[in-house]
PDB file of all heavy atoms in Angstrom:
ATOM      1  N   GLY A   1      40.470  -1.318  21.768  1.00  0.00           N
ATOM      2  CA  GLY A   1      40.935   0.064  21.902  1.00  0.00           C
ATOM      3  C   GLY A   1      40.197   0.839  22.963  1.00  0.00           C
ATOM      4  O   GLY A   1      40.545   1.989  23.239  1.00  0.00           O
ATOM      5  N   LEU A   2      39.179   0.249  23.573  1.00  0.00           N
ATOM      6  CA  LEU A   2      38.409   0.966  24.589  1.00  0.00           C
ATOM      7  C   LEU A   2      39.179   1.056  25.906  1.00  0.00           C
ATOM      8  O   LEU A   2      39.081   2.054  26.622  1.00  0.00           O
ATOM      9  CB  LEU A   2      37.073   0.262  24.803  1.00  0.00           C
ATOM     10  CG  LEU A   2      35.959   1.071  25.463  1.00  0.00           C
ATOM     11  CD1 LEU A   2      35.554   2.243  24.593  1.00  0.00           C
ATOM     12  CD2 LEU A   2      34.736   0.187  25.734  1.00  0.00           C
ATOM     13  N   LEU A   3      39.946   0.030  26.216  1.00  0.00           N
ATOM     14  CA  LEU A   3      40.742   0.006  27.442  1.00  0.00           C
ATOM     15  C   LEU A   3      42.070   0.732  27.215  1.00  0.00           C
ATOM     16  O   LEU A   3      42.381   1.131  26.090  1.00  0.00           O
ATOM     17  CB  LEU A   3      40.955  -1.439  27.881  1.00  0.00           C
ATOM     18  CG  LEU A   3      39.667  -2.182  28.257  1.00  0.00           C
ATOM     19  CD1 LEU A   3      39.961  -3.614  28.633  1.00  0.00           C
ATOM     20  CD2 LEU A   3      38.927  -1.479  29.383  1.00  0.00           C
ATOM     21  N   PRO A   4      42.867   0.934  28.273  1.00  0.00           N
ATOM     22  CA  PRO A   4      44.095   1.730  28.118  1.00  0.00           C
ATOM     23  C   PRO A   4      45.015   1.253  26.997  1.00  0.00           C
ATOM     24  O   PRO A   4      45.275   0.062  26.843  1.00  0.00           O
ATOM     25  CB  PRO A   4      44.772   1.581  29.482  1.00  0.00           C
ATOM     26  CG  PRO A   4      43.644   1.384  30.430  1.00  0.00           C
ATOM     27  CD  PRO A   4      42.625   0.565  29.686  1.00  0.00           C
ATOM     28  N   GLN A   5      45.455   2.207  26.203  1.00  0.00           N
ATOM     29  CA  GLN A   5      46.446   1.986  25.147  1.00  0.00           C
ATOM     30  C   GLN A   5      47.474   3.096  25.272  1.00  0.00           C
ATOM     31  O   GLN A   5      47.111   4.274  25.213  1.00  0.00           O
ATOM     32  CB  GLN A   5      45.801   2.049  23.764  1.00  0.00           C
ATOM     33  CG  GLN A   5      45.042   0.826  23.344  1.00  0.00           C
ATOM     34  CD  GLN A   5      44.657   0.911  21.877  1.00  0.00           C
ATOM     35  OE1 GLN A   5      44.519   1.991  21.325  1.00  0.00           O
ATOM     36  NE2 GLN A   5      44.481  -0.227  21.250  1.00  0.00           N
ATOM     37  N   TRP A   6      48.721   2.722  25.412  1.00  0.00           N
ATOM     38  CA  TRP A   6      49.754   3.721  25.648  1.00  0.00           C
ATOM     39  C   TRP A   6      50.543   3.978  24.373  1.00  0.00           C
ATOM     40  O   TRP A   6      51.051   3.055  23.751  1.00  0.00           O
ATOM     41  CB  TRP A   6      50.680   3.276  26.774  1.00  0.00           C
ATOM     42  CG  TRP A   6      49.928   3.085  28.052  1.00  0.00           C
ATOM     43  CD1 TRP A   6      49.441   1.913  28.554  1.00  0.00           C
ATOM     44  CD2 TRP A   6      49.510   4.109  28.953  1.00  0.00           C
ATOM     45  NE1 TRP A   6      48.766   2.144  29.722  1.00  0.00           N
ATOM     46  CE2 TRP A   6      48.792   3.486  30.003  1.00  0.00           C
ATOM     47  CE3 TRP A   6      49.688   5.497  28.995  1.00  0.00           C
ATOM     48  CZ2 TRP A   6      48.253   4.187  31.062  1.00  0.00           C
ATOM     49  CZ3 TRP A   6      49.153   6.192  30.058  1.00  0.00           C
ATOM     50  CH2 TRP A   6      48.442   5.543  31.080  1.00  0.00           C
ATOM     51  N   ARG A   7      50.630   5.239  23.986  1.00  0.00           N
ATOM     52  CA  ARG A   7      51.381   5.647  22.798  1.00  0.00           C
ATOM     53  C   ARG A   7      52.488   6.615  23.214  1.00  0.00           C
ATOM     54  O   ARG A   7      52.309   7.428  24.121  1.00  0.00           O
ATOM     55  CB  ARG A   7      50.452   6.347  21.807  1.00  0.00           C
ATOM     56  CG  ARG A   7      49.308   5.481  21.317  1.00  0.00           C
ATOM     57  CD  ARG A   7      49.712   4.564  20.197  1.00  0.00           C
ATOM     58  NE  ARG A   7      48.630   3.664  19.824  1.00  0.00           N
ATOM     59  CZ  ARG A   7      47.668   3.993  18.965  1.00  0.00           C
ATOM     60  NH1 ARG A   7      47.680   5.189  18.399  1.00  0.00           N
ATOM     61  NH2 ARG A   7      46.712   3.137  18.657  1.00  0.00           N
ATOM     62  N   GLU A   8      53.604   6.530  22.516  1.00  0.00           N
ATOM     63  CA  GLU A   8      54.721   7.421  22.806  1.00  0.00           C
ATOM     64  C   GLU A   8      54.431   8.833  22.311  1.00  0.00           C
ATOM     65  O   GLU A   8      53.852   9.033  21.244  1.00  0.00           O
ATOM     66  CB  GLU A   8      55.993   6.900  22.142  1.00  0.00           C
ATOM     67  CG  GLU A   8      56.573   5.664  22.808  1.00  0.00           C
ATOM     68  CD  GLU A   8      57.905   5.278  22.194  1.00  0.00           C
ATOM     69  OE1 GLU A   8      57.980   5.212  20.958  1.00  0.00           O
ATOM     70  OE2 GLU A   8      58.857   5.055  22.961  1.00  0.00           O
ATOM     71  N   GLY A   9      54.842   9.819  23.098  1.00  0.00           N
ATOM     72  CA  GLY A   9      54.723  11.214  22.710  1.00  0.00           C
ATOM     73  C   GLY A   9      56.026  11.730  22.136  1.00  0.00           C
ATOM     74  O   GLY A   9      57.014  10.998  22.027  1.00  0.00           O
ATOM     75  N   PRO A  10      56.081  13.007  21.743  1.00  0.00           N
ATOM     76  CA  PRO A  10      57.300  13.563  21.154  1.00  0.00           C
ATOM     77  C   PRO A  10      58.467  13.657  22.124  1.00  0.00           C
ATOM     78  O   PRO A  10      59.621  13.621  21.716  1.00  0.00           O
ATOM     79  CB  PRO A  10      56.856  14.955  20.692  1.00  0.00           C
ATOM     80  CG  PRO A  10      55.671  15.292  21.528  1.00  0.00           C
ATOM     81  CD  PRO A  10      54.987  13.988  21.784  1.00  0.00           C
ATOM     82  N   ARG A  11      58.188  13.785  23.405  1.00  0.00           N
ATOM     83  CA  ARG A  11      59.247  13.871  24.412  1.00  0.00           C
ATOM     84  C   ARG A  11      59.655  12.463  24.836  1.00  0.00           C
ATOM     85  O   ARG A  11      58.805  11.588  25.007  1.00  0.00           O
ATOM     86  CB  ARG A  11      58.735  14.660  25.614  1.00  0.00           C
ATOM     87  CG  ARG A  11      59.744  14.842  26.722  1.00  0.00           C
ATOM     88  CD  ARG A  11      59.093  15.542  27.889  1.00  0.00           C
ATOM     89  NE  ARG A  11      58.792  16.924  27.608  1.00  0.00           N
ATOM     90  CZ  ARG A  11      57.819  17.616  28.183  1.00  0.00           C
ATOM     91  NH1 ARG A  11      57.040  17.036  29.061  1.00  0.00           N
ATOM     92  NH2 ARG A  11      57.621  18.879  27.879  1.00  0.00           N
ATOM     93  N   ARG A  12      60.947  12.251  24.983  1.00  0.00           N
ATOM     94  CA  ARG A  12      61.449  10.931  25.342  1.00  0.00           C
ATOM     95  C   ARG A  12      60.840  10.470  26.668  1.00  0.00           C
ATOM     96  O   ARG A  12      60.863  11.179  27.656  1.00  0.00           O
ATOM     97  CB  ARG A  12      62.982  10.959  25.452  1.00  0.00           C
ATOM     98  CG  ARG A  12      63.596   9.591  25.709  1.00  0.00           C
ATOM     99  CD  ARG A  12      65.109   9.667  25.713  1.00  0.00           C
ATOM    100  NE  ARG A  12      65.691   8.359  25.941  1.00  0.00           N
ATOM    101  CZ  ARG A  12      66.989   8.127  26.014  1.00  0.00           C
ATOM    102  NH1 ARG A  12      67.845   9.138  25.883  1.00  0.00           N
ATOM    103  NH2 ARG A  12      67.445   6.908  26.226  1.00  0.00           N
ATOM    104  N   GLY A  13      60.292   9.255  26.650  1.00  0.00           N
ATOM    105  CA  GLY A  13      59.677   8.703  27.844  1.00  0.00           C
ATOM    106  C   GLY A  13      58.244   9.150  28.068  1.00  0.00           C
ATOM    107  O   GLY A  13      57.596   8.689  29.002  1.00  0.00           O
ATOM    108  N   GLU A  14      57.728  10.047  27.213  1.00  0.00           N
ATOM    109  CA  GLU A  14      56.361  10.540  27.386  1.00  0.00           C
ATOM    110  C   GLU A  14      55.374   9.523  26.820  1.00  0.00           C
ATOM    111  O   GLU A  14      55.525   9.063  25.698  1.00  0.00           O
ATOM    112  CB  GLU A  14      56.197  11.879  26.669  1.00  0.00           C
ATOM    113  CG  GLU A  14      54.807  12.496  26.830  1.00  0.00           C
ATOM    114  CD  GLU A  14      54.702  13.823  26.090  1.00  0.00           C
ATOM    115  OE1 GLU A  14      54.593  13.811  24.861  1.00  0.00           O
ATOM    116  OE2 GLU A  14      54.757  14.859  26.754  1.00  0.00           O
ATOM    117  N   LEU A  15      54.379   9.173  27.599  1.00  0.00           N
ATOM    118  CA  LEU A  15      53.356   8.227  27.184  1.00  0.00           C
ATOM    119  C   LEU A  15      51.983   8.873  27.329  1.00  0.00           C
ATOM    120  O   LEU A  15      51.749   9.667  28.242  1.00  0.00           O
ATOM    121  CB  LEU A  15      53.419   6.951  28.023  1.00  0.00           C
ATOM    122  CG  LEU A  15      54.661   6.080  27.862  1.00  0.00           C
ATOM    123  CD1 LEU A  15      54.642   4.940  28.863  1.00  0.00           C
ATOM    124  CD2 LEU A  15      54.762   5.535  26.443  1.00  0.00           C
ATOM    125  N   ARG A  16      51.100   8.507  26.435  1.00  0.00           N
ATOM    126  CA  ARG A  16      49.745   9.049  26.469  1.00  0.00           C
ATOM    127  C   ARG A  16      48.748   7.908  26.342  1.00  0.00           C
ATOM    128  O   ARG A  16      48.896   7.037  25.481  1.00  0.00           O
ATOM    129  CB  ARG A  16      49.545  10.038  25.328  1.00  0.00           C
ATOM    130  CG  ARG A  16      48.169  10.669  25.329  1.00  0.00           C
ATOM    131  CD  ARG A  16      47.956  11.519  24.103  1.00  0.00           C
ATOM    132  NE  ARG A  16      46.633  12.122  24.116  1.00  0.00           N
ATOM    133  CZ  ARG A  16      46.076  12.710  23.062  1.00  0.00           C
ATOM    134  NH1 ARG A  16      46.735  12.784  21.924  1.00  0.00           N
ATOM    135  NH2 ARG A  16      44.867  13.236  23.144  1.00  0.00           N
ATOM    136  N   ASN A  17      47.742   7.919  27.190  1.00  0.00           N
ATOM    137  CA  ASN A  17      46.697   6.903  27.143  1.00  0.00           C
ATOM    138  C   ASN A  17      45.645   7.334  26.123  1.00  0.00           C
ATOM    139  O   ASN A  17      44.885   8.270  26.356  1.00  0.00           O
ATOM    140  CB  ASN A  17      46.065   6.745  28.531  1.00  0.00           C
ATOM    141  CG  ASN A  17      45.040   5.639  28.571  1.00  0.00           C
ATOM    142  OD1 ASN A  17      44.749   4.988  27.571  1.00  0.00           O
ATOM    143  ND2 ASN A  17      44.473   5.407  29.743  1.00  0.00           N
ATOM    144  N   VAL A  18      45.610   6.643  24.972  1.00  0.00           N
ATOM    145  CA  VAL A  18      44.677   7.004  23.906  1.00  0.00           C
ATOM    146  C   VAL A  18      43.475   6.069  23.857  1.00  0.00           C
ATOM    147  O   VAL A  18      42.693   6.095  22.911  1.00  0.00           O
ATOM    148  CB  VAL A  18      45.381   7.017  22.534  1.00  0.00           C
ATOM    149  CG1 VAL A  18      46.491   8.048  22.509  1.00  0.00           C
ATOM    150  CG2 VAL A  18      45.929   5.625  22.186  1.00  0.00           C
ATOM    151  N   GLY A  19      43.298   5.214  24.882  1.00  0.00           N
ATOM    152  CA  GLY A  19      42.146   4.325  24.918  1.00  0.00           C
ATOM    153  C   GLY A  19      40.841   5.102  25.001  1.00  0.00           C
ATOM    154  O   GLY A  19      40.794   6.250  25.442  1.00  0.00           O
ATOM    155  N   GLY A  20      39.759   4.461  24.567  1.00  0.00           N
ATOM    156  CA  GLY A  20      38.459   5.122  24.594  1.00  0.00           C
ATOM    157  C   GLY A  20      38.058   5.605  25.970  1.00  0.00           C
ATOM    158  O   GLY A  20      37.371   6.612  26.114  1.00  0.00           O
ATOM    159  N   LEU A  21      38.498   4.895  27.002  1.00  0.00           N
ATOM    160  CA  LEU A  21      38.218   5.302  28.376  1.00  0.00           C
ATOM    161  C   LEU A  21      39.462   5.890  29.031  1.00  0.00           C
ATOM    162  O   LEU A  21      39.569   5.940  30.255  1.00  0.00           O
ATOM    163  CB  LEU A  21      37.719   4.099  29.185  1.00  0.00           C
ATOM    164  CG  LEU A  21      36.422   3.472  28.660  1.00  0.00           C
ATOM    165  CD1 LEU A  21      36.103   2.204  29.410  1.00  0.00           C
ATOM    166  CD2 LEU A  21      35.271   4.461  28.763  1.00  0.00           C
ATOM    167  N   GLY A  22      40.411   6.344  28.222  1.00  0.00           N
ATOM    168  CA  GLY A  22      41.651   6.897  28.752  1.00  0.00           C
ATOM    169  C   GLY A  22      41.530   8.363  29.092  1.00  0.00           C
ATOM    170  O   GLY A  22      40.499   8.998  28.896  1.00  0.00           O
ATOM    171  N   GLY A  23      42.627   8.916  29.564  1.00  0.00           N
ATOM    172  CA  GLY A  23      42.642  10.325  29.923  1.00  0.00           C
ATOM    173  C   GLY A  23      42.021  10.566  31.285  1.00  0.00           C
ATOM    174  O   GLY A  23      41.902   9.679  32.112  1.00  0.00           O
ATOM    175  N   GLY A  24      41.623  11.791  31.507  1.00  0.00           N
ATOM    176  CA  GLY A  24      40.995  12.149  32.781  1.00  0.00           C
ATOM    177  C   GLY A  24      41.737  13.235  33.518  1.00  0.00           C
ATOM    178  O   GLY A  24      41.148  13.927  34.337  1.00  0.00           O
ATOM    179  N   ARG A  25      43.025  13.389  33.239  1.00  0.00           N
ATOM    180  CA  ARG A  25      43.801  14.417  33.932  1.00  0.00           C
ATOM    181  C   ARG A  25      44.348  15.425  32.926  1.00  0.00           C
ATOM    182  O   ARG A  25      44.976  15.036  31.940  1.00  0.00           O
ATOM    183  CB  ARG A  25      44.974  13.785  34.671  1.00  0.00           C
ATOM    184  CG  ARG A  25      44.592  12.912  35.837  1.00  0.00           C
ATOM    185  CD  ARG A  25      45.847  12.380  36.510  1.00  0.00           C
ATOM    186  NE  ARG A  25      45.530  11.552  37.665  1.00  0.00           N
ATOM    187  CZ  ARG A  25      46.451  10.935  38.389  1.00  0.00           C
ATOM    188  NH1 ARG A  25      47.720  11.044  38.069  1.00  0.00           N
ATOM    189  NH2 ARG A  25      46.101  10.205  39.430  1.00  0.00           N
ATOM    190  N   PRO A  26      44.138  16.707  33.155  1.00  0.00           N
ATOM    191  CA  PRO A  26      44.796  17.704  32.298  1.00  0.00           C
ATOM    192  C   PRO A  26      46.312  17.579  32.426  1.00  0.00           C
ATOM    193  O   PRO A  26      46.839  17.373  33.520  1.00  0.00           O
ATOM    194  CB  PRO A  26      44.287  19.045  32.855  1.00  0.00           C
ATOM    195  CG  PRO A  26      43.042  18.708  33.611  1.00  0.00           C
ATOM    196  CD  PRO A  26      43.254  17.320  34.149  1.00  0.00           C
ATOM    197  N   GLU A  27      47.015  17.678  31.313  1.00  0.00           N
ATOM    198  CA  GLU A  27      48.460  17.529  31.316  1.00  0.00           C
ATOM    199  C   GLU A  27      49.090  18.565  30.395  1.00  0.00           C
ATOM    200  O   GLU A  27      48.440  19.079  29.485  1.00  0.00           O
ATOM    201  CB  GLU A  27      48.859  16.115  30.846  1.00  0.00           C
ATOM    202  CG  GLU A  27      48.363  15.006  31.737  1.00  0.00           C
ATOM    203  CD  GLU A  27      48.768  13.638  31.211  1.00  0.00           C
ATOM    204  OE1 GLU A  27      49.461  13.584  30.184  1.00  0.00           O
ATOM    205  OE2 GLU A  27      48.382  12.638  31.830  1.00  0.00           O
ATOM    206  N   ARG A  28      50.365  18.833  30.637  1.00  0.00           N
ATOM    207  CA  ARG A  28      51.133  19.693  29.750  1.00  0.00           C
ATOM    208  C   ARG A  28      51.922  18.804  28.793  1.00  0.00           C
ATOM    209  O   ARG A  28      52.671  17.931  29.210  1.00  0.00           O
ATOM    210  CB  ARG A  28      52.084  20.597  30.535  1.00  0.00           C
ATOM    211  CG  ARG A  28      51.361  21.599  31.427  1.00  0.00           C
ATOM    212  CD  ARG A  28      52.307  22.639  31.976  1.00  0.00           C
ATOM    213  NE  ARG A  28      52.849  23.499  30.943  1.00  0.00           N
ATOM    214  CZ  ARG A  28      52.215  24.541  30.417  1.00  0.00           C
ATOM    215  NH1 ARG A  28      51.004  24.857  30.837  1.00  0.00           N
ATOM    216  NH2 ARG A  28      52.780  25.282  29.488  1.00  0.00           N
ATOM    217  N   ARG A  29      51.730  19.046  27.485  1.00  0.00           N
ATOM    218  CA  ARG A  29      52.376  18.212  26.480  1.00  0.00           C
ATOM    219  C   ARG A  29      53.068  19.084  25.444  1.00  0.00           C
ATOM    220  O   ARG A  29      52.694  20.243  25.223  1.00  0.00           O
ATOM    221  CB  ARG A  29      51.352  17.304  25.793  1.00  0.00           C
ATOM    222  CG  ARG A  29      50.709  16.305  26.735  1.00  0.00           C
ATOM    223  CD  ARG A  29      49.927  15.256  25.970  1.00  0.00           C
ATOM    224  NE  ARG A  29      49.335  14.290  26.879  1.00  0.00           N
ATOM    225  CZ  ARG A  29      49.979  13.237  27.351  1.00  0.00           C
ATOM    226  NH1 ARG A  29      51.230  13.016  27.010  1.00  0.00           N
ATOM    227  NH2 ARG A  29      49.373  12.398  28.176  1.00  0.00           N
ATOM    228  N   LEU A  30      54.063  18.490  24.810  1.00  0.00           N
ATOM    229  CA  LEU A  30      54.771  19.184  23.739  1.00  0.00           C
ATOM    230  C   LEU A  30      53.975  19.117  22.450  1.00  0.00           C
ATOM    231  O   LEU A  30      53.429  18.063  22.092  1.00  0.00           O
ATOM    232  CB  LEU A  30      56.144  18.533  23.515  1.00  0.00           C
ATOM    233  CG  LEU A  30      57.249  18.853  24.515  1.00  0.00           C
ATOM    234  CD1 LEU A  30      58.509  18.079  24.152  1.00  0.00           C
ATOM    235  CD2 LEU A  30      57.547  20.345  24.535  1.00  0.00           C
ATOM    236  N   ARG A  31      53.925  20.266  21.763  1.00  0.00           N
ATOM    237  CA  ARG A  31      53.278  20.321  20.454  1.00  0.00           C
ATOM    238  C   ARG A  31      54.139  21.136  19.503  1.00  0.00           C
ATOM    239  O   ARG A  31      54.803  22.089  19.910  1.00  0.00           O
ATOM    240  CB  ARG A  31      51.888  20.965  20.550  1.00  0.00           C
ATOM    241  CG  ARG A  31      50.843  20.070  21.177  1.00  0.00           C
ATOM    242  CD  ARG A  31      49.485  20.708  21.090  1.00  0.00           C
ATOM    243  NE  ARG A  31      48.431  19.856  21.601  1.00  0.00           N
ATOM    244  CZ  ARG A  31      47.147  20.185  21.622  1.00  0.00           C
ATOM    245  NH1 ARG A  31      46.769  21.373  21.179  1.00  0.00           N
ATOM    246  NH2 ARG A  31      46.241  19.363  22.094  1.00  0.00           N
ATOM    247  N   ARG A  32      54.110  20.765  18.229  1.00  0.00           N
ATOM    248  CA  ARG A  32      54.818  21.534  17.215  1.00  0.00           C
ATOM    249  C   ARG A  32      53.891  22.655  16.759  1.00  0.00           C
ATOM    250  O   ARG A  32      52.801  22.403  16.239  1.00  0.00           O
ATOM    251  CB  ARG A  32      55.174  20.619  16.041  1.00  0.00           C
ATOM    252  CG  ARG A  32      56.307  21.138  15.166  1.00  0.00           C
ATOM    253  CD  ARG A  32      57.643  20.875  15.805  1.00  0.00           C
ATOM    254  NE  ARG A  32      58.755  21.383  15.010  1.00  0.00           N
ATOM    255  CZ  ARG A  32      59.406  20.672  14.099  1.00  0.00           C
ATOM    256  NH1 ARG A  32      59.017  19.442  13.830  1.00  0.00           N
ATOM    257  NH2 ARG A  32      60.438  21.189  13.461  1.00  0.00           N
ATOM    258  N   VAL A  33      54.316  23.898  16.934  1.00  0.00           N
ATOM    259  CA  VAL A  33      53.457  25.040  16.613  1.00  0.00           C
ATOM    260  C   VAL A  33      54.260  26.090  15.848  1.00  0.00           C
ATOM    261  O   VAL A  33      55.498  26.144  15.918  1.00  0.00           O
ATOM    262  CB  VAL A  33      52.869  25.676  17.897  1.00  0.00           C
ATOM    263  CG1 VAL A  33      51.976  24.697  18.639  1.00  0.00           C
ATOM    264  CG2 VAL A  33      53.985  26.173  18.821  1.00  0.00           C
ATOM    265  N   TRP A  34      53.544  26.935  15.118  1.00  0.00           N
ATOM    266  CA  TRP A  34      54.150  28.086  14.457  1.00  0.00           C
ATOM    267  C   TRP A  34      54.188  29.253  15.434  1.00  0.00           C
ATOM    268  O   TRP A  34      53.170  29.607  16.029  1.00  0.00           O
ATOM    269  CB  TRP A  34      53.353  28.475  13.206  1.00  0.00           C
ATOM    270  CG  TRP A  34      53.482  27.479  12.094  1.00  0.00           C
ATOM    271  CD1 TRP A  34      52.577  26.546  11.723  1.00  0.00           C
ATOM    272  CD2 TRP A  34      54.597  27.347  11.206  1.00  0.00           C
ATOM    273  NE1 TRP A  34      53.049  25.811  10.663  1.00  0.00           N
ATOM    274  CE2 TRP A  34      54.297  26.290  10.320  1.00  0.00           C
ATOM    275  CE3 TRP A  34      55.826  28.002  11.074  1.00  0.00           C
ATOM    276  CZ2 TRP A  34      55.164  25.881   9.318  1.00  0.00           C
ATOM    277  CZ3 TRP A  34      56.680  27.590  10.071  1.00  0.00           C
ATOM    278  CH2 TRP A  34      56.360  26.545   9.213  1.00  0.00           C
ATOM    279  N   CYS A  35      55.361  29.846  15.591  1.00  0.00           N
ATOM    280  CA  CYS A  35      55.536  30.991  16.492  1.00  0.00           C
ATOM    281  C   CYS A  35      55.847  32.235  15.665  1.00  0.00           C
ATOM    282  O   CYS A  35      56.554  32.165  14.657  1.00  0.00           O
ATOM    283  CB  CYS A  35      56.678  30.737  17.470  1.00  0.00           C
ATOM    284  SG  CYS A  35      56.509  29.234  18.446  1.00  0.00           S
ATOM    285  N   ASN A  36      55.350  33.389  16.110  1.00  0.00           N
ATOM    286  CA  ASN A  36      55.599  34.668  15.441  1.00  0.00           C
ATOM    287  C   ASN A  36      55.210  34.601  13.958  1.00  0.00           C
ATOM    288  O   ASN A  36      55.993  34.948  13.065  1.00  0.00           O
ATOM    289  CB  ASN A  36      57.067  35.079  15.575  1.00  0.00           C
ATOM    290  CG  ASN A  36      57.505  35.166  17.010  1.00  0.00           C
ATOM    291  OD1 ASN A  36      56.793  35.701  17.850  1.00  0.00           O
ATOM    292  ND2 ASN A  36      58.674  34.615  17.319  1.00  0.00           N
ATOM    293  N   VAL A  37      54.011  34.158  13.703  1.00  0.00           N
ATOM    294  CA  VAL A  37      53.542  33.947  12.331  1.00  0.00           C
ATOM    295  C   VAL A  37      53.593  35.250  11.537  1.00  0.00           C
ATOM    296  O   VAL A  37      53.232  36.322  12.035  1.00  0.00           O
ATOM    297  CB  VAL A  37      52.109  33.375  12.349  1.00  0.00           C
ATOM    298  CG1 VAL A  37      51.544  33.252  10.952  1.00  0.00           C
ATOM    299  CG2 VAL A  37      52.107  32.022  13.043  1.00  0.00           C
TER     300      VAL A  37
END
């Protein structure tokens, strides 16, 4: 799990590198959030 591992995100075709040495670039991602609480 230390090397790149690609997982699907909520958006179709979206992939995220969740490996221990993954990431490195800020990205915009979809999240489920409460609005107008």
